[in-house]
Amino acid sequence: MELSLMRPALYRVKRGQTLAQVARTFGVTPRLLAAVNALKSELSEGELLVIPPEGNVYRVRGGESMALLCGSPDRFEKKNATRCLYPGQEVLL
């Protein structure tokens, strides 16, 4: 599969690609890729996706808070496109 990297953190979707395929290509989960890009529907050809850096992905443990992980709930929401936090969730720090 040919990758269409525009910059290290951006990827342009090719015709027929699924969220799972793109996520697998970059070693992230589909759920994380969808959250980072605030996706609400299927991918479209030509759509630009932000690819989260691998080193900043973290798996949440019980008892952790948005403020503990990112400094504040607002900062957490900006990085992860959600205000939900639960053990086992993969988030960006």
PDB file of N, CA and C in Angstrom:
ATOM      1  N   MET A   1       0.842  -1.169   0.000  1.00  0.00           N
ATOM      2  CA  MET A   1       0.000   0.000   0.000  1.00  0.00           C
ATOM      3  C   MET A   1       0.893   1.240   0.000  1.00  0.00           C
ATOM      4  N   GLU A   2       0.600   2.171  -0.876  1.00  0.00           N
ATOM      5  CA  GLU A   2       1.345   3.423  -0.941  1.00  0.00           C
ATOM      6  C   GLU A   2       0.761   4.412   0.061  1.00  0.00           C
ATOM      7  N   LEU A   3       1.637   5.013   0.859  1.00  0.00           N
ATOM      8  CA  LEU A   3       1.190   6.011   1.819  1.00  0.00           C
ATOM      9  C   LEU A   3       1.242   7.382   1.178  1.00  0.00           C
ATOM     10  N   SER A   4       0.293   8.208   1.529  1.00  0.00           N
ATOM     11  CA  SER A   4       0.233   9.560   1.002  1.00  0.00           C
ATOM     12  C   SER A   4       0.440  10.538   2.150  1.00  0.00           C
ATOM     13  N   LEU A   5       1.652  10.603   2.669  1.00  0.00           N
ATOM     14  CA  LEU A   5       1.951  11.488   3.783  1.00  0.00           C
ATOM     15  C   LEU A   5       2.168  12.903   3.294  1.00  0.00           C
ATOM     16  N   MET A   6       1.452  13.841   3.873  1.00  0.00           N
ATOM     17  CA  MET A   6       1.609  15.243   3.523  1.00  0.00           C
ATOM     18  C   MET A   6       2.665  15.883   4.422  1.00  0.00           C
ATOM     19  N   ARG A   7       2.609  15.581   5.701  1.00  0.00           N
ATOM     20  CA  ARG A   7       3.568  15.992   6.712  1.00  0.00           C
ATOM     21  C   ARG A   7       3.624  14.820   7.674  1.00  0.00           C
ATOM     22  N   PRO A   8       4.594  14.770   8.551  1.00  0.00           N
ATOM     23  CA  PRO A   8       4.673  13.621   9.456  1.00  0.00           C
ATOM     24  C   PRO A   8       3.391  13.346  10.240  1.00  0.00           C
ATOM     25  N   ALA A   9       2.586  14.373  10.527  1.00  0.00           N
ATOM     26  CA  ALA A   9       1.416  14.170  11.371  1.00  0.00           C
ATOM     27  C   ALA A   9       0.100  14.156  10.598  1.00  0.00           C
ATOM     28  N   LEU A  10       0.134  14.257   9.264  1.00  0.00           N
ATOM     29  CA  LEU A  10      -1.096  14.273   8.479  1.00  0.00           C
ATOM     30  C   LEU A  10      -1.094  13.150   7.449  1.00  0.00           C
ATOM     31  N   TYR A  11      -2.271  12.619   7.174  1.00  0.00           N
ATOM     32  CA  TYR A  11      -2.415  11.565   6.171  1.00  0.00           C
ATOM     33  C   TYR A  11      -3.662  11.844   5.344  1.00  0.00           C
ATOM     34  N   ARG A  12      -3.529  11.736   4.018  1.00  0.00           N
ATOM     35  CA  ARG A  12      -4.669  11.940   3.118  1.00  0.00           C
ATOM     36  C   ARG A  12      -5.270  10.573   2.773  1.00  0.00           C
ATOM     37  N   VAL A  13      -6.551  10.407   3.055  1.00  0.00           N
ATOM     38  CA  VAL A  13      -7.260   9.144   2.847  1.00  0.00           C
ATOM     39  C   VAL A  13      -7.406   8.856   1.356  1.00  0.00           C
ATOM     40  N   LYS A  14      -7.136   7.605   0.989  1.00  0.00           N
ATOM     41  CA  LYS A  14      -7.310   7.158  -0.394  1.00  0.00           C
ATOM     42  C   LYS A  14      -8.681   6.491  -0.543  1.00  0.00           C
ATOM     43  N   ARG A  15      -9.159   6.438  -1.769  1.00  0.00           N
ATOM     44  CA  ARG A  15     -10.470   5.854  -2.056  1.00  0.00           C
ATOM     45  C   ARG A  15     -10.569   4.442  -1.485  1.00  0.00           C
ATOM     46  N   GLY A  16     -11.666   4.184  -0.792  1.00  0.00           N
ATOM     47  CA  GLY A  16     -11.937   2.849  -0.273  1.00  0.00           C
ATOM     48  C   GLY A  16     -11.282   2.513   1.054  1.00  0.00           C
ATOM     49  N   GLN A  17     -10.423   3.371   1.572  1.00  0.00           N
ATOM     50  CA  GLN A  17      -9.766   3.057   2.837  1.00  0.00           C
ATOM     51  C   GLN A  17     -10.741   3.186   4.001  1.00  0.00           C
ATOM     52  N   THR A  18     -10.569   2.296   4.962  1.00  0.00           N
ATOM     53  CA  THR A  18     -11.391   2.337   6.166  1.00  0.00           C
ATOM     54  C   THR A  18     -10.575   2.906   7.321  1.00  0.00           C
ATOM     55  N   LEU A  19     -11.278   3.291   8.353  1.00  0.00           N
ATOM     56  CA  LEU A  19     -10.621   3.796   9.551  1.00  0.00           C
ATOM     57  C   LEU A  19      -9.682   2.735  10.122  1.00  0.00           C
ATOM     58  N   ALA A  20     -10.130   1.489  10.145  1.00  0.00           N
ATOM     59  CA  ALA A  20      -9.308   0.397  10.679  1.00  0.00           C
ATOM     60  C   ALA A  20      -8.024   0.220   9.874  1.00  0.00           C
ATOM     61  N   GLN A  21      -8.099   0.322   8.557  1.00  0.00           N
ATOM     62  CA  GLN A  21      -6.903   0.174   7.719  1.00  0.00           C
ATOM     63  C   GLN A  21      -5.896   1.284   7.993  1.00  0.00           C
ATOM     64  N   VAL A  22      -6.376   2.512   8.050  1.00  0.00           N
ATOM     65  CA  VAL A  22      -5.470   3.640   8.291  1.00  0.00           C
ATOM     66  C   VAL A  22      -4.858   3.530   9.684  1.00  0.00           C
ATOM     67  N   ALA A  23      -5.669   3.202  10.672  1.00  0.00           N
ATOM     68  CA  ALA A  23      -5.163   3.059  12.041  1.00  0.00           C
ATOM     69  C   ALA A  23      -4.084   1.983  12.108  1.00  0.00           C
ATOM     70  N   ARG A  24      -4.323   0.846  11.486  1.00  0.00           N
ATOM     71  CA  ARG A  24      -3.354  -0.251  11.482  1.00  0.00           C
ATOM     72  C   ARG A  24      -2.048   0.179  10.823  1.00  0.00           C
ATOM     73  N   THR A  25      -2.138   0.938   9.734  1.00  0.00           N
ATOM     74  CA  THR A  25      -0.950   1.413   9.026  1.00  0.00           C
ATOM     75  C   THR A  25      -0.042   2.223   9.946  1.00  0.00           C
ATOM     76  N   PHE A  26      -0.644   3.002  10.827  1.00  0.00           N
ATOM     77  CA  PHE A  26       0.137   3.889  11.688  1.00  0.00           C
ATOM     78  C   PHE A  26       0.286   3.376  13.117  1.00  0.00           C
ATOM     79  N   GLY A  27      -0.187   2.167  13.381  1.00  0.00           N
ATOM     80  CA  GLY A  27       0.008   1.559  14.691  1.00  0.00           C
ATOM     81  C   GLY A  27      -0.781   2.199  15.818  1.00  0.00           C
ATOM     82  N   VAL A  28      -1.966   2.713  15.500  1.00  0.00           N
ATOM     83  CA  VAL A  28      -2.846   3.278  16.528  1.00  0.00           C
ATOM     84  C   VAL A  28      -4.188   2.566  16.448  1.00  0.00           C
ATOM     85  N   THR A  29      -5.006   2.731  17.456  1.00  0.00           N
ATOM     86  CA  THR A  29      -6.320   2.088  17.428  1.00  0.00           C
ATOM     87  C   THR A  29      -7.302   2.935  16.619  1.00  0.00           C
ATOM     88  N   PRO A  30      -8.275   2.292  15.989  1.00  0.00           N
ATOM     89  CA  PRO A  30      -9.296   3.057  15.271  1.00  0.00           C
ATOM     90  C   PRO A  30     -10.026   4.044  16.183  1.00  0.00           C
ATOM     91  N   ARG A  31     -10.283   3.638  17.412  1.00  0.00           N
ATOM     92  CA  ARG A  31     -10.986   4.515  18.356  1.00  0.00           C
ATOM     93  C   ARG A  31     -10.182   5.787  18.620  1.00  0.00           C
ATOM     94  N   LEU A  32      -8.865   5.647  18.822  1.00  0.00           N
ATOM     95  CA  LEU A  32      -8.024   6.821  19.067  1.00  0.00           C
ATOM     96  C   LEU A  32      -7.975   7.717  17.838  1.00  0.00           C
ATOM     97  N   LEU A  33      -7.806   7.119  16.663  1.00  0.00           N
ATOM     98  CA  LEU A  33      -7.754   7.900  15.423  1.00  0.00           C
ATOM     99  C   LEU A  33      -9.066   8.658  15.213  1.00  0.00           C
ATOM    100  N   ALA A  34     -10.188   8.013  15.491  1.00  0.00           N
ATOM    101  CA  ALA A  34     -11.489   8.670  15.356  1.00  0.00           C
ATOM    102  C   ALA A  34     -11.632   9.810  16.357  1.00  0.00           C
ATOM    103  N   ALA A  35     -11.174   9.598  17.589  1.00  0.00           N
ATOM    104  CA  ALA A  35     -11.285  10.641  18.616  1.00  0.00           C
ATOM    105  C   ALA A  35     -10.420  11.848  18.287  1.00  0.00           C
ATOM    106  N   VAL A  36      -9.198  11.595  17.869  1.00  0.00           N
ATOM    107  CA  VAL A  36      -8.279  12.694  17.552  1.00  0.00           C
ATOM    108  C   VAL A  36      -8.820  13.543  16.411  1.00  0.00           C
ATOM    109  N   ASN A  37      -9.516  12.906  15.478  1.00  0.00           N
ATOM    110  CA  ASN A  37     -10.029  13.619  14.306  1.00  0.00           C
ATOM    111  C   ASN A  37     -11.511  13.975  14.417  1.00  0.00           C
ATOM    112  N   ALA A  38     -12.114  13.719  15.571  1.00  0.00           N
ATOM    113  CA  ALA A  38     -13.535  14.011  15.804  1.00  0.00           C
ATOM    114  C   ALA A  38     -14.406  13.459  14.676  1.00  0.00           C
ATOM    115  N   LEU A  39     -14.119  12.210  14.269  1.00  0.00           N
ATOM    116  CA  LEU A  39     -14.861  11.589  13.171  1.00  0.00           C
ATOM    117  C   LEU A  39     -16.232  11.136  13.644  1.00  0.00           C
ATOM    118  N   LYS A  40     -17.237  11.422  12.847  1.00  0.00           N
ATOM    119  CA  LYS A  40     -18.605  11.028  13.173  1.00  0.00           C
ATOM    120  C   LYS A  40     -19.221  10.162  12.075  1.00  0.00           C
ATOM    121  N   SER A  41     -18.479   9.964  10.979  1.00  0.00           N
ATOM    122  CA  SER A  41     -18.983   9.148   9.874  1.00  0.00           C
ATOM    123  C   SER A  41     -17.803   8.429   9.225  1.00  0.00           C
ATOM    124  N   GLU A  42     -18.093   7.702   8.153  1.00  0.00           N
ATOM    125  CA  GLU A  42     -17.040   6.983   7.444  1.00  0.00           C
ATOM    126  C   GLU A  42     -16.060   7.957   6.807  1.00  0.00           C
ATOM    127  N   LEU A  43     -14.872   7.453   6.511  1.00  0.00           N
ATOM    128  CA  LEU A  43     -13.852   8.287   5.874  1.00  0.00           C
ATOM    129  C   LEU A  43     -14.243   8.605   4.441  1.00  0.00           C
ATOM    130  N   SER A  44     -13.785   9.748   3.969  1.00  0.00           N
ATOM    131  CA  SER A  44     -14.015  10.164   2.586  1.00  0.00           C
ATOM    132  C   SER A  44     -12.682  10.268   1.870  1.00  0.00           C
ATOM    133  N   GLU A  45     -12.668   9.918   0.601  1.00  0.00           N
ATOM    134  CA  GLU A  45     -11.456  10.053  -0.196  1.00  0.00           C
ATOM    135  C   GLU A  45     -10.978  11.501  -0.136  1.00  0.00           C
ATOM    136  N   GLY A  46      -9.676  11.678   0.115  1.00  0.00           N
ATOM    137  CA  GLY A  46      -9.086  13.010   0.157  1.00  0.00           C
ATOM    138  C   GLY A  46      -9.121  13.673   1.520  1.00  0.00           C
ATOM    139  N   GLU A  47      -9.854  13.088   2.462  1.00  0.00           N
ATOM    140  CA  GLU A  47      -9.938  13.657   3.812  1.00  0.00           C
ATOM    141  C   GLU A  47      -8.565  13.622   4.478  1.00  0.00           C
ATOM    142  N   LEU A  48      -8.212  14.686   5.173  1.00  0.00           N
ATOM    143  CA  LEU A  48      -6.945  14.740   5.902  1.00  0.00           C
ATOM    144  C   LEU A  48      -7.166  14.299   7.340  1.00  0.00           C
ATOM    145  N   LEU A  49      -6.339  13.365   7.790  1.00  0.00           N
ATOM    146  CA  LEU A  49      -6.416  12.884   9.163  1.00  0.00           C
ATOM    147  C   LEU A  49      -5.155  13.273   9.913  1.00  0.00           C
ATOM    148  N   VAL A  50      -5.321  13.672  11.152  1.00  0.00           N
ATOM    149  CA  VAL A  50      -4.187  13.892  12.037  1.00  0.00           C
ATOM    150  C   VAL A  50      -3.805  12.527  12.592  1.00  0.00           C
ATOM    151  N   ILE A  51      -2.534  12.182  12.470  1.00  0.00           N
ATOM    152  CA  ILE A  51      -2.036  10.913  12.996  1.00  0.00           C
ATOM    153  C   ILE A  51      -1.377  11.198  14.338  1.00  0.00           C
ATOM    154  N   PRO A  52      -1.891  10.633  15.429  1.00  0.00           N
ATOM    155  CA  PRO A  52      -1.303  10.913  16.739  1.00  0.00           C
ATOM    156  C   PRO A  52       0.101  10.330  16.850  1.00  0.00           C
ATOM    157  N   PRO A  53       1.013  11.061  17.463  1.00  0.00           N
ATOM    158  CA  PRO A  53       2.367  10.545  17.651  1.00  0.00           C
ATOM    159  C   PRO A  53       2.339   9.353  18.595  1.00  0.00           C
ATOM    160  N   GLU A  54       3.042   8.291  18.224  1.00  0.00           N
ATOM    161  CA  GLU A  54       3.010   7.060  19.015  1.00  0.00           C
ATOM    162  C   GLU A  54       3.504   7.269  20.439  1.00  0.00           C
ATOM    163  N   GLY A  55       4.523   8.080  20.608  1.00  0.00           N
ATOM    164  CA  GLY A  55       5.132   8.249  21.924  1.00  0.00           C
ATOM    165  C   GLY A  55       4.239   8.924  22.941  1.00  0.00           C
ATOM    166  N   ASN A  56       3.203   9.603  22.519  1.00  0.00           N
ATOM    167  CA  ASN A  56       2.345  10.332  23.442  1.00  0.00           C
ATOM    168  C   ASN A  56       1.025   9.629  23.718  1.00  0.00           C
ATOM    169  N   VAL A  57       0.871   8.408  23.233  1.00  0.00           N
ATOM    170  CA  VAL A  57      -0.356   7.649  23.485  1.00  0.00           C
ATOM    171  C   VAL A  57      -0.197   6.939  24.829  1.00  0.00           C
ATOM    172  N   TYR A  58      -1.218   7.037  25.655  1.00  0.00           N
ATOM    173  CA  TYR A  58      -1.156   6.488  27.010  1.00  0.00           C
ATOM    174  C   TYR A  58      -2.437   5.716  27.305  1.00  0.00           C
ATOM    175  N   ARG A  59      -2.297   4.587  27.993  1.00  0.00           N
ATOM    176  CA  ARG A  59      -3.466   3.795  28.396  1.00  0.00           C
ATOM    177  C   ARG A  59      -3.826   4.172  29.836  1.00  0.00           C
ATOM    178  N   VAL A  60      -5.046   4.668  30.020  1.00  0.00           N
ATOM    179  CA  VAL A  60      -5.522   5.165  31.310  1.00  0.00           C
ATOM    180  C   VAL A  60      -5.669   4.025  32.317  1.00  0.00           C
ATOM    181  N   ARG A  61      -5.287   4.306  33.570  1.00  0.00           N
ATOM    182  CA  ARG A  61      -5.461   3.360  34.670  1.00  0.00           C
ATOM    183  C   ARG A  61      -6.514   3.894  35.636  1.00  0.00           C
ATOM    184  N   GLY A  62      -7.092   3.014  36.409  1.00  0.00           N
ATOM    185  CA  GLY A  62      -8.115   3.408  37.375  1.00  0.00           C
ATOM    186  C   GLY A  62      -7.625   4.491  38.322  1.00  0.00           C
ATOM    187  N   GLY A  63      -8.485   5.454  38.618  1.00  0.00           N
ATOM    188  CA  GLY A  63      -8.157   6.520  39.555  1.00  0.00           C
ATOM    189  C   GLY A  63      -7.497   7.735  38.935  1.00  0.00           C
ATOM    190  N   GLU A  64      -7.142   7.670  37.658  1.00  0.00           N
ATOM    191  CA  GLU A  64      -6.503   8.816  37.007  1.00  0.00           C
ATOM    192  C   GLU A  64      -7.564   9.798  36.517  1.00  0.00           C
ATOM    193  N   SER A  65      -7.193  11.067  36.488  1.00  0.00           N
ATOM    194  CA  SER A  65      -8.130  12.111  36.073  1.00  0.00           C
ATOM    195  C   SER A  65      -7.584  12.866  34.869  1.00  0.00           C
ATOM    196  N   MET A  66      -8.468  13.621  34.215  1.00  0.00           N
ATOM    197  CA  MET A  66      -8.054  14.450  33.080  1.00  0.00           C
ATOM    198  C   MET A  66      -7.019  15.473  33.523  1.00  0.00           C
ATOM    199  N   ALA A  67      -7.217  16.053  34.700  1.00  0.00           N
ATOM    200  CA  ALA A  67      -6.275  17.048  35.217  1.00  0.00           C
ATOM    201  C   ALA A  67      -4.916  16.410  35.491  1.00  0.00           C
ATOM    202  N   LEU A  68      -4.908  15.207  36.027  1.00  0.00           N
ATOM    203  CA  LEU A  68      -3.649  14.519  36.307  1.00  0.00           C
ATOM    204  C   LEU A  68      -2.900  14.211  35.011  1.00  0.00           C
ATOM    205  N   LEU A  69      -3.613  13.773  33.998  1.00  0.00           N
ATOM    206  CA  LEU A  69      -2.979  13.366  32.747  1.00  0.00           C
ATOM    207  C   LEU A  69      -2.540  14.537  31.875  1.00  0.00           C
ATOM    208  N   CYS A  70      -3.352  15.591  31.808  1.00  0.00           N
ATOM    209  CA  CYS A  70      -3.079  16.687  30.863  1.00  0.00           C
ATOM    210  C   CYS A  70      -3.003  18.069  31.502  1.00  0.00           C
ATOM    211  N   GLY A  71      -3.146  18.148  32.811  1.00  0.00           N
ATOM    212  CA  GLY A  71      -3.066  19.444  33.470  1.00  0.00           C
ATOM    213  C   GLY A  71      -4.416  20.082  33.732  1.00  0.00           C
ATOM    214  N   SER A  72      -5.396  19.807  32.879  1.00  0.00           N
ATOM    215  CA  SER A  72      -6.755  20.329  33.074  1.00  0.00           C
ATOM    216  C   SER A  72      -7.720  19.553  32.181  1.00  0.00           C
ATOM    217  N   PRO A  73      -9.002  19.519  32.565  1.00  0.00           N
ATOM    218  CA  PRO A  73      -9.995  18.865  31.712  1.00  0.00           C
ATOM    219  C   PRO A  73     -10.103  19.503  30.327  1.00  0.00           C
ATOM    220  N   ASP A  74      -9.977  20.826  30.252  1.00  0.00           N
ATOM    221  CA  ASP A  74     -10.058  21.503  28.949  1.00  0.00           C
ATOM    222  C   ASP A  74      -8.921  21.082  28.029  1.00  0.00           C
ATOM    223  N   ARG A  75      -7.723  20.983  28.577  1.00  0.00           N
ATOM    224  CA  ARG A  75      -6.565  20.561  27.774  1.00  0.00           C
ATOM    225  C   ARG A  75      -6.739  19.113  27.319  1.00  0.00           C
ATOM    226  N   PHE A  76      -7.252  18.264  28.222  1.00  0.00           N
ATOM    227  CA  PHE A  76      -7.519  16.873  27.867  1.00  0.00           C
ATOM    228  C   PHE A  76      -8.502  16.804  26.704  1.00  0.00           C
ATOM    229  N   GLU A  77      -9.599  17.570  26.804  1.00  0.00           N
ATOM    230  CA  GLU A  77     -10.623  17.557  25.755  1.00  0.00           C
ATOM    231  C   GLU A  77     -10.062  18.050  24.428  1.00  0.00           C
ATOM    232  N   LYS A  78      -9.237  19.068  24.455  1.00  0.00           N
ATOM    233  CA  LYS A  78      -8.658  19.609  23.221  1.00  0.00           C
ATOM    234  C   LYS A  78      -7.783  18.566  22.523  1.00  0.00           C
ATOM    235  N   LYS A  79      -7.008  17.795  23.305  1.00  0.00           N
ATOM    236  CA  LYS A  79      -6.113  16.797  22.722  1.00  0.00           C
ATOM    237  C   LYS A  79      -6.841  15.527  22.297  1.00  0.00           C
ATOM    238  N   ASN A  80      -7.945  15.198  22.980  1.00  0.00           N
ATOM    239  CA  ASN A  80      -8.591  13.903  22.753  1.00  0.00           C
ATOM    240  C   ASN A  80     -10.005  13.972  22.194  1.00  0.00           C
ATOM    241  N   ALA A  81     -10.524  15.152  21.999  1.00  0.00           N
ATOM    242  CA  ALA A  81     -11.862  15.357  21.423  1.00  0.00           C
ATOM    243  C   ALA A  81     -12.952  14.629  22.202  1.00  0.00           C
ATOM    244  N   THR A  82     -12.760  14.521  23.517  1.00  0.00           N
ATOM    245  CA  THR A  82     -13.766  13.908  24.385  1.00  0.00           C
ATOM    246  C   THR A  82     -13.553  14.367  25.816  1.00  0.00           C
ATOM    247  N   ARG A  83     -14.617  14.327  26.594  1.00  0.00           N
ATOM    248  CA  ARG A  83     -14.505  14.595  28.026  1.00  0.00           C
ATOM    249  C   ARG A  83     -14.706  13.293  28.811  1.00  0.00           C
ATOM    250  N   CYS A  84     -14.739  12.189  28.118  1.00  0.00           N
ATOM    251  CA  CYS A  84     -14.885  10.881  28.766  1.00  0.00           C
ATOM    252  C   CYS A  84     -13.508  10.337  29.124  1.00  0.00           C
ATOM    253  N   LEU A  85     -13.430   9.688  30.265  1.00  0.00           N
ATOM    254  CA  LEU A  85     -12.179   9.074  30.704  1.00  0.00           C
ATOM    255  C   LEU A  85     -12.524   7.797  31.462  1.00  0.00           C
ATOM    256  N   TYR A  86     -11.914   6.677  31.055  1.00  0.00           N
ATOM    257  CA  TYR A  86     -12.186   5.409  31.718  1.00  0.00           C
ATOM    258  C   TYR A  86     -10.946   4.523  31.638  1.00  0.00           C
ATOM    259  N   PRO A  87     -10.762   3.610  32.598  1.00  0.00           N
ATOM    260  CA  PRO A  87      -9.607   2.720  32.594  1.00  0.00           C
ATOM    261  C   PRO A  87      -9.529   1.910  31.300  1.00  0.00           C
ATOM    262  N   GLY A  88      -8.334   1.814  30.752  1.00  0.00           N
ATOM    263  CA  GLY A  88      -8.103   1.077  29.515  1.00  0.00           C
ATOM    264  C   GLY A  88      -8.184   1.933  28.267  1.00  0.00           C
ATOM    265  N   GLN A  89      -8.724   3.138  28.388  1.00  0.00           N
ATOM    266  CA  GLN A  89      -8.847   4.057  27.249  1.00  0.00           C
ATOM    267  C   GLN A  89      -7.454   4.521  26.809  1.00  0.00           C
ATOM    268  N   GLU A  90      -7.252   4.637  25.506  1.00  0.00           N
ATOM    269  CA  GLU A  90      -6.004   5.181  24.976  1.00  0.00           C
ATOM    270  C   GLU A  90      -6.214   6.660  24.699  1.00  0.00           C
ATOM    271  N   VAL A  91      -5.338   7.495  25.267  1.00  0.00           N
ATOM    272  CA  VAL A  91      -5.479   8.943  25.139  1.00  0.00           C
ATOM    273  C   VAL A  91      -4.146   9.558  24.730  1.00  0.00           C
ATOM    274  N   LEU A  92      -4.218  10.798  24.252  1.00  0.00           N
ATOM    275  CA  LEU A  92      -3.017  11.566  23.939  1.00  0.00           C
ATOM    276  C   LEU A  92      -2.664  12.432  25.132  1.00  0.00           C
ATOM    277  N   LEU A  93      -1.387  12.491  25.444  1.00  0.00           N
ATOM    278  CA  LEU A  93      -0.924  13.336  26.545  1.00  0.00           C
ATOM    279  C   LEU A  93      -0.242  14.569  26.008  1.00  0.00           C
TER     280      LEU A  93
END
